[in-house]
PDB file of N, CA and C in Angstrom:
ATOM      1  N   MET A   1       0.305   7.806  18.608  1.00  0.00           N
ATOM      2  CA  MET A   1      -0.169   7.070  17.019  1.00  0.00           C
ATOM      3  C   MET A   1      -0.218   6.185  16.643  1.00  0.00           C
ATOM      4  N   PRO A   2      -0.974   5.026  15.269  1.00  0.00           N
ATOM      5  CA  PRO A   2      -0.255   3.796  15.230  1.00  0.00           C
ATOM      6  C   PRO A   2       1.276   4.123  14.631  1.00  0.00           C
ATOM      7  N   ILE A   3       1.254   2.667  14.436  1.00  0.00           N
ATOM      8  CA  ILE A   3       3.388   2.585  14.033  1.00  0.00           C
ATOM      9  C   ILE A   3       2.590   1.841  12.563  1.00  0.00           C
ATOM     10  N   VAL A   4       3.080   2.305  11.340  1.00  0.00           N
ATOM     11  CA  VAL A   4       3.131   1.320  10.143  1.00  0.00           C
ATOM     12  C   VAL A   4       4.273   0.849   9.839  1.00  0.00           C
ATOM     13  N   LYS A   5       4.449  -0.640   9.963  1.00  0.00           N
ATOM     14  CA  LYS A   5       5.841  -1.277  10.021  1.00  0.00           C
ATOM     15  C   LYS A   5       5.595  -1.481   8.068  1.00  0.00           C
ATOM     16  N   VAL A   6       6.844  -1.127   7.637  1.00  0.00           N
ATOM     17  CA  VAL A   6       6.860  -1.708   5.908  1.00  0.00           C
ATOM     18  C   VAL A   6       8.180  -2.194   5.965  1.00  0.00           C
ATOM     19  N   LEU A   7       7.951  -3.570   5.563  1.00  0.00           N
ATOM     20  CA  LEU A   7       8.828  -4.571   5.527  1.00  0.00           C
ATOM     21  C   LEU A   7       9.736  -3.911   4.403  1.00  0.00           C
ATOM     22  N   PRO A   8      10.936  -4.610   4.493  1.00  0.00           N
ATOM     23  CA  PRO A   8      12.071  -4.063   3.566  1.00  0.00           C
ATOM     24  C   PRO A   8      11.686  -4.554   2.166  1.00  0.00           C
ATOM     25  N   HIS A   9      11.905  -3.756   1.263  1.00  0.00           N
ATOM     26  CA  HIS A   9      11.916  -3.937  -0.412  1.00  0.00           C
ATOM     27  C   HIS A   9      12.737  -3.146  -1.078  1.00  0.00           C
ATOM     28  N   ALA A  10      13.564  -3.860  -1.958  1.00  0.00           N
ATOM     29  CA  ALA A  10      14.557  -3.969  -2.707  1.00  0.00           C
ATOM     30  C   ALA A  10      14.983  -2.392  -3.280  1.00  0.00           C
ATOM     31  N   GLU A  11      13.811  -1.794  -3.828  1.00  0.00           N
ATOM     32  CA  GLU A  11      14.224  -0.948  -4.621  1.00  0.00           C
ATOM     33  C   GLU A  11      13.277   0.926  -3.634  1.00  0.00           C
ATOM     34  N   TYR A  12      12.300   0.083  -3.285  1.00  0.00           N
ATOM     35  CA  TYR A  12      11.623   1.815  -1.974  1.00  0.00           C
ATOM     36  C   TYR A  12      12.280   1.747  -0.880  1.00  0.00           C
ATOM     37  N   CYS A  13      12.953   0.592  -0.087  1.00  0.00           N
ATOM     38  CA  CYS A  13      12.757   0.652   1.581  1.00  0.00           C
ATOM     39  C   CYS A  13      13.503  -0.287   1.314  1.00  0.00           C
ATOM     40  N   PRO A  14      14.972  -0.464   1.547  1.00  0.00           N
ATOM     41  CA  PRO A  14      15.743  -1.708   1.396  1.00  0.00           C
ATOM     42  C   PRO A  14      15.576  -2.254   3.233  1.00  0.00           C
ATOM     43  N   GLN A  15      15.783  -1.037   4.076  1.00  0.00           N
ATOM     44  CA  GLN A  15      15.882  -1.316   5.312  1.00  0.00           C
ATOM     45  C   GLN A  15      15.140  -1.785   6.403  1.00  0.00           C
ATOM     46  N   GLY A  16      13.473  -1.365   5.162  1.00  0.00           N
ATOM     47  CA  GLY A  16      12.092  -1.747   5.895  1.00  0.00           C
ATOM     48  C   GLY A  16      11.852  -0.449   6.881  1.00  0.00           C
ATOM     49  N   ARG A  17      11.371   0.040   7.697  1.00  0.00           N
ATOM     50  CA  ARG A  17      10.649   1.432   8.085  1.00  0.00           C
ATOM     51  C   ARG A  17       9.765   1.173   9.090  1.00  0.00           C
ATOM     52  N   SER A  18       9.740   1.977  10.054  1.00  0.00           N
ATOM     53  CA  SER A  18       8.558   2.044  10.600  1.00  0.00           C
ATOM     54  C   SER A  18       7.986   3.084  11.136  1.00  0.00           C
ATOM     55  N   LEU A  19       6.709   3.595  10.879  1.00  0.00           N
ATOM     56  CA  LEU A  19       6.377   5.428  10.771  1.00  0.00           C
ATOM     57  C   LEU A  19       4.951   5.449  11.780  1.00  0.00           C
ATOM     58  N   GLU A  20       5.386   6.201  12.232  1.00  0.00           N
ATOM     59  CA  GLU A  20       4.036   7.155  13.114  1.00  0.00           C
ATOM     60  C   GLU A  20       3.602   7.265  12.079  1.00  0.00           C
ATOM     61  N   VAL A  21       2.101   7.052  12.460  1.00  0.00           N
ATOM     62  CA  VAL A  21       1.051   7.487  11.231  1.00  0.00           C
ATOM     63  C   VAL A  21      -0.348   7.871  12.023  1.00  0.00           C
ATOM     64  N   ALA A  22      -0.812   9.230  11.181  1.00  0.00           N
ATOM     65  CA  ALA A  22      -1.922   9.990  12.362  1.00  0.00           C
ATOM     66  C   ALA A  22      -3.309   8.886  11.475  1.00  0.00           C
ATOM     67  N   PRO A  23      -4.177   8.717  11.949  1.00  0.00           N
ATOM     68  CA  PRO A  23      -4.923   7.859  12.083  1.00  0.00           C
ATOM     69  C   PRO A  23      -6.051   8.411  11.085  1.00  0.00           C
ATOM     70  N   GLY A  24      -6.393   8.024  10.199  1.00  0.00           N
ATOM     71  CA  GLY A  24      -7.147   8.980   8.895  1.00  0.00           C
ATOM     72  C   GLY A  24      -6.769   8.898   7.479  1.00  0.00           C
ATOM     73  N   THR A  25      -5.010   8.580   7.876  1.00  0.00           N
ATOM     74  CA  THR A  25      -4.262   8.984   6.385  1.00  0.00           C
ATOM     75  C   THR A  25      -4.010   7.522   5.991  1.00  0.00           C
ATOM     76  N   SER A  26      -3.762   7.202   4.785  1.00  0.00           N
ATOM     77  CA  SER A  26      -3.797   6.368   3.670  1.00  0.00           C
ATOM     78  C   SER A  26      -2.512   5.864   3.708  1.00  0.00           C
ATOM     79  N   VAL A  27      -2.427   4.338   3.439  1.00  0.00           N
ATOM     80  CA  VAL A  27      -1.041   4.238   3.837  1.00  0.00           C
ATOM     81  C   VAL A  27      -0.178   4.573   2.661  1.00  0.00           C
ATOM     82  N   CYS A  28      -0.623   4.905   1.338  1.00  0.00           N
ATOM     83  CA  CYS A  28       0.122   5.148   0.522  1.00  0.00           C
ATOM     84  C   CYS A  28       0.569   6.901   1.182  1.00  0.00           C
ATOM     85  N   GLU A  29      -0.490   7.622   1.071  1.00  0.00           N
ATOM     86  CA  GLU A  29      -0.289   8.983   2.054  1.00  0.00           C
ATOM     87  C   GLU A  29       1.152   8.905   2.965  1.00  0.00           C
ATOM     88  N   ALA A  30       1.018   8.131   3.761  1.00  0.00           N
ATOM     89  CA  ALA A  30       1.982   7.350   4.851  1.00  0.00           C
ATOM     90  C   ALA A  30       2.930   7.329   4.071  1.00  0.00           C
ATOM     91  N   LEU A  31       3.598   6.552   3.137  1.00  0.00           N
ATOM     92  CA  LEU A  31       4.631   6.300   2.759  1.00  0.00           C
ATOM     93  C   LEU A  31       5.355   7.186   2.065  1.00  0.00           C
ATOM     94  N   LEU A  32       4.363   7.736   0.992  1.00  0.00           N
ATOM     95  CA  LEU A  32       4.945   9.233   0.457  1.00  0.00           C
ATOM     96  C   LEU A  32       5.285  10.042   1.293  1.00  0.00           C
ATOM     97  N   GLU A  33       4.799  10.631   2.337  1.00  0.00           N
ATOM     98  CA  GLU A  33       5.394  11.296   3.087  1.00  0.00           C
ATOM     99  C   GLU A  33       6.415  11.486   3.764  1.00  0.00           C
ATOM    100  N   ASN A  34       6.958   9.826   4.312  1.00  0.00           N
ATOM    101  CA  ASN A  34       7.883   9.538   4.719  1.00  0.00           C
ATOM    102  C   ASN A  34       9.189   8.920   3.844  1.00  0.00           C
ATOM    103  N   GLY A  35       9.002   9.453   2.740  1.00  0.00           N
ATOM    104  CA  GLY A  35      10.117   9.305   2.076  1.00  0.00           C
ATOM    105  C   GLY A  35      10.152   7.889   1.242  1.00  0.00           C
ATOM    106  N   ILE A  36       9.009   7.309   1.236  1.00  0.00           N
ATOM    107  CA  ILE A  36       9.038   5.583   0.774  1.00  0.00           C
ATOM    108  C   ILE A  36       8.034   5.643  -0.838  1.00  0.00           C
ATOM    109  N   PRO A  37       9.184   5.978  -2.016  1.00  0.00           N
ATOM    110  CA  PRO A  37       8.267   6.680  -3.074  1.00  0.00           C
ATOM    111  C   PRO A  37       7.327   5.199  -3.776  1.00  0.00           C
ATOM    112  N   ILE A  38       6.519   5.105  -3.232  1.00  0.00           N
ATOM    113  CA  ILE A  38       5.866   4.095  -3.505  1.00  0.00           C
ATOM    114  C   ILE A  38       5.072   4.386  -5.115  1.00  0.00           C
ATOM    115  N   GLU A  39       5.060   3.433  -5.806  1.00  0.00           N
ATOM    116  CA  GLU A  39       4.123   3.680  -7.013  1.00  0.00           C
ATOM    117  C   GLU A  39       2.905   4.076  -6.973  1.00  0.00           C
ATOM    118  N   HIS A  40       2.257   5.027  -7.589  1.00  0.00           N
ATOM    119  CA  HIS A  40       1.008   5.920  -7.799  1.00  0.00           C
ATOM    120  C   HIS A  40       0.435   5.871  -8.779  1.00  0.00           C
ATOM    121  N   ALA A  41       0.284   5.453  -9.886  1.00  0.00           N
ATOM    122  CA  ALA A  41       0.050   6.254 -11.451  1.00  0.00           C
ATOM    123  C   ALA A  41      -0.710   6.588 -11.288  1.00  0.00           C
ATOM    124  N   CYS A  42      -1.925   6.423 -10.759  1.00  0.00           N
ATOM    125  CA  CYS A  42      -3.147   7.018 -11.076  1.00  0.00           C
ATOM    126  C   CYS A  42      -3.566   8.152 -10.313  1.00  0.00           C
ATOM    127  N   ASP A  43      -2.170   8.887  -9.715  1.00  0.00           N
ATOM    128  CA  ASP A  43      -2.671  10.142  -8.433  1.00  0.00           C
ATOM    129  C   ASP A  43      -3.498   9.953  -7.235  1.00  0.00           C
ATOM    130  N   MET A  44      -3.649   8.479  -6.563  1.00  0.00           N
ATOM    131  CA  MET A  44      -4.816   7.954  -5.190  1.00  0.00           C
ATOM    132  C   MET A  44      -6.021   7.773  -5.867  1.00  0.00           C
ATOM    133  N   SER A  45      -6.436   7.783  -7.113  1.00  0.00           N
ATOM    134  CA  SER A  45      -7.851   8.262  -7.442  1.00  0.00           C
ATOM    135  C   SER A  45      -8.622   6.866  -7.308  1.00  0.00           C
ATOM    136  N   CYS A  46      -8.044   5.192  -7.224  1.00  0.00           N
ATOM    137  CA  CYS A  46      -8.463   4.088  -7.141  1.00  0.00           C
ATOM    138  C   CYS A  46      -8.953   3.700  -8.500  1.00  0.00           C
ATOM    139  N   ALA A  47      -7.730   3.774  -9.805  1.00  0.00           N
ATOM    140  CA  ALA A  47      -7.927   3.656 -10.761  1.00  0.00           C
ATOM    141  C   ALA A  47      -7.228   2.851 -11.559  1.00  0.00           C
ATOM    142  N   CYS A  48      -5.534   2.431 -10.782  1.00  0.00           N
ATOM    143  CA  CYS A  48      -4.747   1.461 -10.951  1.00  0.00           C
ATOM    144  C   CYS A  48      -4.399   0.517 -10.016  1.00  0.00           C
ATOM    145  N   THR A  49      -3.434  -0.270 -10.156  1.00  0.00           N
ATOM    146  CA  THR A  49      -2.971  -1.025  -8.905  1.00  0.00           C
ATOM    147  C   THR A  49      -1.646  -0.994  -8.263  1.00  0.00           C
ATOM    148  N   THR A  50      -1.511   0.148  -8.884  1.00  0.00           N
ATOM    149  CA  THR A  50       0.292   0.394  -9.022  1.00  0.00           C
ATOM    150  C   THR A  50       0.375   0.448  -7.254  1.00  0.00           C
ATOM    151  N   CYS A  51      -0.121   0.814  -6.222  1.00  0.00           N
ATOM    152  CA  CYS A  51       0.110   1.060  -5.209  1.00  0.00           C
ATOM    153  C   CYS A  51       0.090   0.196  -3.908  1.00  0.00           C
ATOM    154  N   HIS A  52      -0.291  -1.408  -4.896  1.00  0.00           N
ATOM    155  CA  HIS A  52      -0.508  -2.636  -4.037  1.00  0.00           C
ATOM    156  C   HIS A  52       0.018  -3.122  -3.219  1.00  0.00           C
ATOM    157  N   VAL A  53      -0.379  -3.246  -1.782  1.00  0.00           N
ATOM    158  CA  VAL A  53       0.621  -3.735  -1.052  1.00  0.00           C
ATOM    159  C   VAL A  53      -0.096  -5.214  -0.255  1.00  0.00           C
ATOM    160  N   VAL A  54       0.399  -5.731   0.491  1.00  0.00           N
ATOM    161  CA  VAL A  54      -0.115  -6.804   1.100  1.00  0.00           C
ATOM    162  C   VAL A  54      -0.035  -6.530   2.830  1.00  0.00           C
ATOM    163  N   VAL A  55      -0.837  -6.597   3.497  1.00  0.00           N
ATOM    164  CA  VAL A  55      -1.007  -5.989   5.191  1.00  0.00           C
ATOM    165  C   VAL A  55      -0.740  -6.995   5.647  1.00  0.00           C
ATOM    166  N   ARG A  56       0.544  -7.331   6.393  1.00  0.00           N
ATOM    167  CA  ARG A  56       1.148  -8.930   7.339  1.00  0.00           C
ATOM    168  C   ARG A  56       0.034  -8.768   8.439  1.00  0.00           C
ATOM    169  N   GLU A  57       0.169  -7.525   9.152  1.00  0.00           N
ATOM    170  CA  GLU A  57      -0.331  -7.231  10.654  1.00  0.00           C
ATOM    171  C   GLU A  57      -1.419  -6.454  10.331  1.00  0.00           C
ATOM    172  N   GLY A  58      -2.836  -6.165  10.799  1.00  0.00           N
ATOM    173  CA  GLY A  58      -3.341  -5.470  11.319  1.00  0.00           C
ATOM    174  C   GLY A  58      -5.055  -5.064  10.268  1.00  0.00           C
ATOM    175  N   PHE A  59      -4.650  -6.215   9.235  1.00  0.00           N
ATOM    176  CA  PHE A  59      -5.586  -5.880   8.341  1.00  0.00           C
ATOM    177  C   PHE A  59      -7.417  -5.790   8.722  1.00  0.00           C
ATOM    178  N   ALA A  60      -7.629  -6.482   9.572  1.00  0.00           N
ATOM    179  CA  ALA A  60      -8.801  -5.996  10.195  1.00  0.00           C
ATOM    180  C   ALA A  60      -9.170  -4.472  10.453  1.00  0.00           C
ATOM    181  N   SER A  61      -8.466  -3.782  10.917  1.00  0.00           N
ATOM    182  CA  SER A  61      -8.371  -2.773  11.762  1.00  0.00           C
ATOM    183  C   SER A  61      -8.721  -1.416  10.262  1.00  0.00           C
ATOM    184  N   LEU A  62      -8.002  -2.143   9.142  1.00  0.00           N
ATOM    185  CA  LEU A  62      -8.322  -1.048   8.160  1.00  0.00           C
ATOM    186  C   LEU A  62      -9.896  -0.865   7.462  1.00  0.00           C
ATOM    187  N   ASN A  63     -10.312   0.356   7.142  1.00  0.00           N
ATOM    188  CA  ASN A  63     -11.820   0.585   6.549  1.00  0.00           C
ATOM    189  C   ASN A  63     -12.334  -0.621   5.439  1.00  0.00           C
ATOM    190  N   ALA A  64     -13.443  -1.002   5.337  1.00  0.00           N
ATOM    191  CA  ALA A  64     -13.902  -2.006   4.314  1.00  0.00           C
ATOM    192  C   ALA A  64     -13.888  -1.444   2.766  1.00  0.00           C
ATOM    193  N   MET A  65     -13.208  -2.339   2.421  1.00  0.00           N
ATOM    194  CA  MET A  65     -12.669  -2.544   0.885  1.00  0.00           C
ATOM    195  C   MET A  65     -14.210  -1.851   0.131  1.00  0.00           C
ATOM    196  N   ASP A  66     -13.976  -1.005  -0.970  1.00  0.00           N
ATOM    197  CA  ASP A  66     -15.492  -0.912  -1.958  1.00  0.00           C
ATOM    198  C   ASP A  66     -15.100  -1.570  -2.630  1.00  0.00           C
ATOM    199  N   GLU A  67     -16.652  -1.617  -3.950  1.00  0.00           N
ATOM    200  CA  GLU A  67     -16.436  -2.614  -5.388  1.00  0.00           C
ATOM    201  C   GLU A  67     -15.047  -1.964  -5.837  1.00  0.00           C
ATOM    202  N   ALA A  68     -15.086  -0.936  -6.303  1.00  0.00           N
ATOM    203  CA  ALA A  68     -13.945  -0.367  -6.905  1.00  0.00           C
ATOM    204  C   ALA A  68     -12.862  -1.119  -6.905  1.00  0.00           C
ATOM    205  N   GLU A  69     -12.373  -1.361  -5.618  1.00  0.00           N
ATOM    206  CA  GLU A  69     -11.000  -1.978  -5.029  1.00  0.00           C
ATOM    207  C   GLU A  69     -11.013  -3.356  -4.870  1.00  0.00           C
ATOM    208  N   GLU A  70     -11.959  -3.702  -5.084  1.00  0.00           N
ATOM    209  CA  GLU A  70     -11.612  -5.524  -4.635  1.00  0.00           C
ATOM    210  C   GLU A  70     -11.253  -5.760  -6.504  1.00  0.00           C
ATOM    211  N   ASP A  71     -12.620  -5.152  -7.683  1.00  0.00           N
ATOM    212  CA  ASP A  71     -12.398  -5.012  -8.835  1.00  0.00           C
ATOM    213  C   ASP A  71     -10.854  -4.923  -9.436  1.00  0.00           C
ATOM    214  N   LEU A  72      -9.820  -3.859  -9.111  1.00  0.00           N
ATOM    215  CA  LEU A  72      -8.855  -3.770  -9.340  1.00  0.00           C
ATOM    216  C   LEU A  72      -8.135  -4.579  -8.954  1.00  0.00           C
ATOM    217  N   LEU A  73      -8.113  -4.907  -7.598  1.00  0.00           N
ATOM    218  CA  LEU A  73      -7.224  -6.079  -6.659  1.00  0.00           C
ATOM    219  C   LEU A  73      -6.849  -7.242  -7.787  1.00  0.00           C
ATOM    220  N   ASP A  74      -8.237  -7.432  -8.462  1.00  0.00           N
ATOM    221  CA  ASP A  74      -8.022  -8.413  -9.477  1.00  0.00           C
ATOM    222  C   ASP A  74      -7.260  -8.445  -9.965  1.00  0.00           C
ATOM    223  N   ARG A  75      -6.910  -7.517 -10.568  1.00  0.00           N
ATOM    224  CA  ARG A  75      -5.718  -6.916 -11.372  1.00  0.00           C
ATOM    225  C   ARG A  75      -4.062  -6.913 -11.041  1.00  0.00           C
ATOM    226  N   ALA A  76      -4.083  -7.184  -9.307  1.00  0.00           N
ATOM    227  CA  ALA A  76      -2.665  -6.824  -9.017  1.00  0.00           C
ATOM    228  C   ALA A  76      -1.964  -7.633  -8.816  1.00  0.00           C
ATOM    229  N   TRP A  77      -0.227  -7.902  -9.362  1.00  0.00           N
ATOM    230  CA  TRP A  77       0.810  -9.122  -9.250  1.00  0.00           C
ATOM    231  C   TRP A  77       0.661  -8.905  -7.966  1.00  0.00           C
ATOM    232  N   GLY A  78       0.869 -10.330  -7.426  1.00  0.00           N
ATOM    233  CA  GLY A  78       1.081 -10.989  -6.594  1.00  0.00           C
ATOM    234  C   GLY A  78      -0.327 -10.785  -5.829  1.00  0.00           C
ATOM    235  N   LEU A  79      -1.196 -10.861  -6.300  1.00  0.00           N
ATOM    236  CA  LEU A  79      -2.791 -10.948  -5.076  1.00  0.00           C
ATOM    237  C   LEU A  79      -2.712 -11.770  -4.132  1.00  0.00           C
ATOM    238  N   GLU A  80      -2.861 -11.134  -3.026  1.00  0.00           N
ATOM    239  CA  GLU A  80      -2.943 -12.129  -1.398  1.00  0.00           C
ATOM    240  C   GLU A  80      -4.275 -12.005  -0.753  1.00  0.00           C
ATOM    241  N   PRO A  81      -4.580 -13.033  -0.097  1.00  0.00           N
ATOM    242  CA  PRO A  81      -5.690 -12.479   0.269  1.00  0.00           C
ATOM    243  C   PRO A  81      -6.032 -11.281   1.544  1.00  0.00           C
ATOM    244  N   ASP A  82      -4.663 -10.543   1.911  1.00  0.00           N
ATOM    245  CA  ASP A  82      -4.768  -9.266   2.853  1.00  0.00           C
ATOM    246  C   ASP A  82      -3.884  -8.620   1.906  1.00  0.00           C
ATOM    247  N   SER A  83      -4.018  -8.844   0.385  1.00  0.00           N
ATOM    248  CA  SER A  83      -4.078  -7.484  -0.187  1.00  0.00           C
ATOM    249  C   SER A  83      -4.684  -5.944  -0.354  1.00  0.00           C
ATOM    250  N   ARG A  84      -4.548  -4.972  -0.303  1.00  0.00           N
ATOM    251  CA  ARG A  84      -5.043  -4.024  -0.054  1.00  0.00           C
ATOM    252  C   ARG A  84      -4.633  -2.660  -1.307  1.00  0.00           C
ATOM    253  N   LEU A  85      -4.818  -2.348  -1.750  1.00  0.00           N
ATOM    254  CA  LEU A  85      -4.451  -0.480  -2.351  1.00  0.00           C
ATOM    255  C   LEU A  85      -3.952   0.155  -1.885  1.00  0.00           C
ATOM    256  N   SER A  86      -3.061   0.818  -1.356  1.00  0.00           N
ATOM    257  CA  SER A  86      -2.104   1.362  -0.242  1.00  0.00           C
ATOM    258  C   SER A  86      -3.379   2.701  -0.636  1.00  0.00           C
ATOM    259  N   CYS A  87      -3.483   3.147  -2.009  1.00  0.00           N
ATOM    260  CA  CYS A  87      -4.048   4.730  -1.871  1.00  0.00           C
ATOM    261  C   CYS A  87      -5.245   4.966  -0.731  1.00  0.00           C
ATOM    262  N   GLN A  88      -6.314   3.672  -0.654  1.00  0.00           N
ATOM    263  CA  GLN A  88      -7.452   3.309  -0.327  1.00  0.00           C
ATOM    264  C   GLN A  88      -7.676   2.682   1.113  1.00  0.00           C
ATOM    265  N   ALA A  89      -6.152   1.897   1.676  1.00  0.00           N
ATOM    266  CA  ALA A  89      -6.468   1.963   2.713  1.00  0.00           C
ATOM    267  C   ALA A  89      -6.385   2.422   4.022  1.00  0.00           C
ATOM    268  N   ILE A  90      -7.275   3.080   4.819  1.00  0.00           N
ATOM    269  CA  ILE A  90      -7.071   4.346   5.491  1.00  0.00           C
ATOM    270  C   ILE A  90      -6.800   3.454   7.241  1.00  0.00           C
ATOM    271  N   VAL A  91      -5.840   4.668   7.800  1.00  0.00           N
ATOM    272  CA  VAL A  91      -4.915   3.606   9.095  1.00  0.00           C
ATOM    273  C   VAL A  91      -5.947   3.812  10.037  1.00  0.00           C
ATOM    274  N   ALA A  92      -6.466   3.318  10.645  1.00  0.00           N
ATOM    275  CA  ALA A  92      -7.378   3.729  12.455  1.00  0.00           C
ATOM    276  C   ALA A  92      -6.472   3.304  13.186  1.00  0.00           C
ATOM    277  N   GLN A  93      -6.682   2.643  14.084  1.00  0.00           N
ATOM    278  CA  GLN A  93      -5.817   2.737  15.541  1.00  0.00           C
ATOM    279  C   GLN A  93      -5.220   2.064  15.975  1.00  0.00           C
ATOM    280  N   LYS A  94      -4.741   1.276  14.753  1.00  0.00           N
ATOM    281  CA  LYS A  94      -4.042  -0.519  15.165  1.00  0.00           C
ATOM    282  C   LYS A  94      -2.721   0.016  14.296  1.00  0.00           C
ATOM    283  N   ASP A  95      -1.940  -0.601  14.871  1.00  0.00           N
ATOM    284  CA  ASP A  95      -0.418  -1.048  14.284  1.00  0.00           C
ATOM    285  C   ASP A  95      -0.439  -1.642  13.112  1.00  0.00           C
ATOM    286  N   LEU A  96      -0.001  -1.490  11.971  1.00  0.00           N
ATOM    287  CA  LEU A  96       0.040  -2.305  10.580  1.00  0.00           C
ATOM    288  C   LEU A  96       1.242  -2.484  10.091  1.00  0.00           C
ATOM    289  N   THR A  97       1.485  -4.082   9.766  1.00  0.00           N
ATOM    290  CA  THR A  97       2.369  -4.206   9.311  1.00  0.00           C
ATOM    291  C   THR A  97       2.404  -4.511   7.315  1.00  0.00           C
ATOM    292  N   VAL A  98       3.035  -3.606   6.470  1.00  0.00           N
ATOM    293  CA  VAL A  98       2.456  -4.202   4.913  1.00  0.00           C
ATOM    294  C   VAL A  98       4.216  -4.029   4.113  1.00  0.00           C
ATOM    295  N   GLU A  99       3.452  -5.028   3.580  1.00  0.00           N
ATOM    296  CA  GLU A  99       4.565  -5.639   2.466  1.00  0.00           C
ATOM    297  C   GLU A  99       4.329  -4.910   1.008  1.00  0.00           C
ATOM    298  N   ILE A 100       5.559  -4.014   0.689  1.00  0.00           N
ATOM    299  CA  ILE A 100       5.110  -3.737  -0.953  1.00  0.00           C
ATOM    300  C   ILE A 100       5.486  -4.933  -1.966  1.00  0.00           C
ATOM    301  N   PRO A 101       4.824  -5.406  -2.710  1.00  0.00           N
ATOM    302  CA  PRO A 101       5.241  -6.548  -3.482  1.00  0.00           C
ATOM    303  C   PRO A 101       6.453  -6.151  -3.954  1.00  0.00           C
ATOM    304  N   LYS A 102       7.052  -6.973  -5.001  1.00  0.00           N
ATOM    305  CA  LYS A 102       8.093  -7.033  -5.677  1.00  0.00           C
ATOM    306  C   LYS A 102       8.511  -5.818  -6.922  1.00  0.00           C
ATOM    307  N   TYR A 103       7.099  -6.457  -7.163  1.00  0.00           N
ATOM    308  CA  TYR A 103       6.226  -6.228  -9.247  1.00  0.00           C
ATOM    309  C   TYR A 103       4.944  -5.041  -8.775  1.00  0.00           C
ATOM    310  N   SER A 104       4.925  -4.521  -9.835  1.00  0.00           N
ATOM    311  CA  SER A 104       3.442  -3.784  -9.914  1.00  0.00           C
ATOM    312  C   SER A 104       3.462  -3.915 -11.682  1.00  0.00           C
ATOM    313  N   ILE A 105       2.213  -3.440 -11.833  1.00  0.00           N
ATOM    314  CA  ILE A 105       1.444  -3.250 -12.955  1.00  0.00           C
ATOM    315  C   ILE A 105       1.873  -2.067 -13.530  1.00  0.00           C
ATOM    316  N   ASN A 106       2.700  -1.733 -14.092  1.00  0.00           N
ATOM    317  CA  ASN A 106       2.832   0.068 -14.500  1.00  0.00           C
ATOM    318  C   ASN A 106       3.668   0.176 -15.475  1.00  0.00           C
ATOM    319  N   HIS A 107       3.081   0.056 -16.774  1.00  0.00           N
ATOM    320  CA  HIS A 107       3.432   0.325 -18.434  1.00  0.00           C
ATOM    321  C   HIS A 107       4.374   1.589 -18.538  1.00  0.00           C
ATOM    322  N   ALA A 108       3.668   2.404 -18.130  1.00  0.00           N
ATOM    323  CA  ALA A 108       4.280   3.720 -18.003  1.00  0.00           C
ATOM    324  C   ALA A 108       6.255   3.697 -17.529  1.00  0.00           C
ATOM    325  N   LYS A 109       6.415   2.748 -16.280  1.00  0.00           N
ATOM    326  CA  LYS A 109       7.766   2.747 -15.959  1.00  0.00           C
ATOM    327  C   LYS A 109       8.545   1.499 -16.586  1.00  0.00           C
ATOM    328  N   GLU A 110       7.624   0.478 -17.178  1.00  0.00           N
ATOM    329  CA  GLU A 110       8.428  -0.410 -17.915  1.00  0.00           C
ATOM    330  C   GLU A 110       9.085  -0.501 -19.045  1.00  0.00           C
ATOM    331  N   ASN A 111      10.270  -0.959 -18.971  1.00  0.00           N
ATOM    332  CA  ASN A 111      11.407  -0.671 -20.349  1.00  0.00           C
ATOM    333  C   ASN A 111      10.962  -1.764 -21.334  1.00  0.00           C
ATOM    334  N   HIS A 112      10.193  -1.068 -22.313  1.00  0.00           N
ATOM    335  CA  HIS A 112       9.808  -1.606 -23.782  1.00  0.00           C
ATOM    336  C   HIS A 112      10.951  -1.515 -25.018  1.00  0.00           C
TER     337      HIS A 112
END
């Protein structure tokens, strides 16, 4: 099975982790199933950007982005060329390295 390496994130995964993930699983599902509580305000329906990740290695092995994901990513904090919504990024047969950005745009979580 492919390995998804999660780089350290102060809030969600301070030590970083390596996860064995079945092909066909979304990156978001893999993180959640392994106790990494990545935000997913829209319940993984491709309607927000809270599950945004940057794929540091293995980007080309992921499924192609659709137009809805591309449009939403334009609003993501810290957008990079290898950014994906983790709810839409499907693990294939290759290993991945992902980074959860320091911030997300989640108005429900912010302190006002």
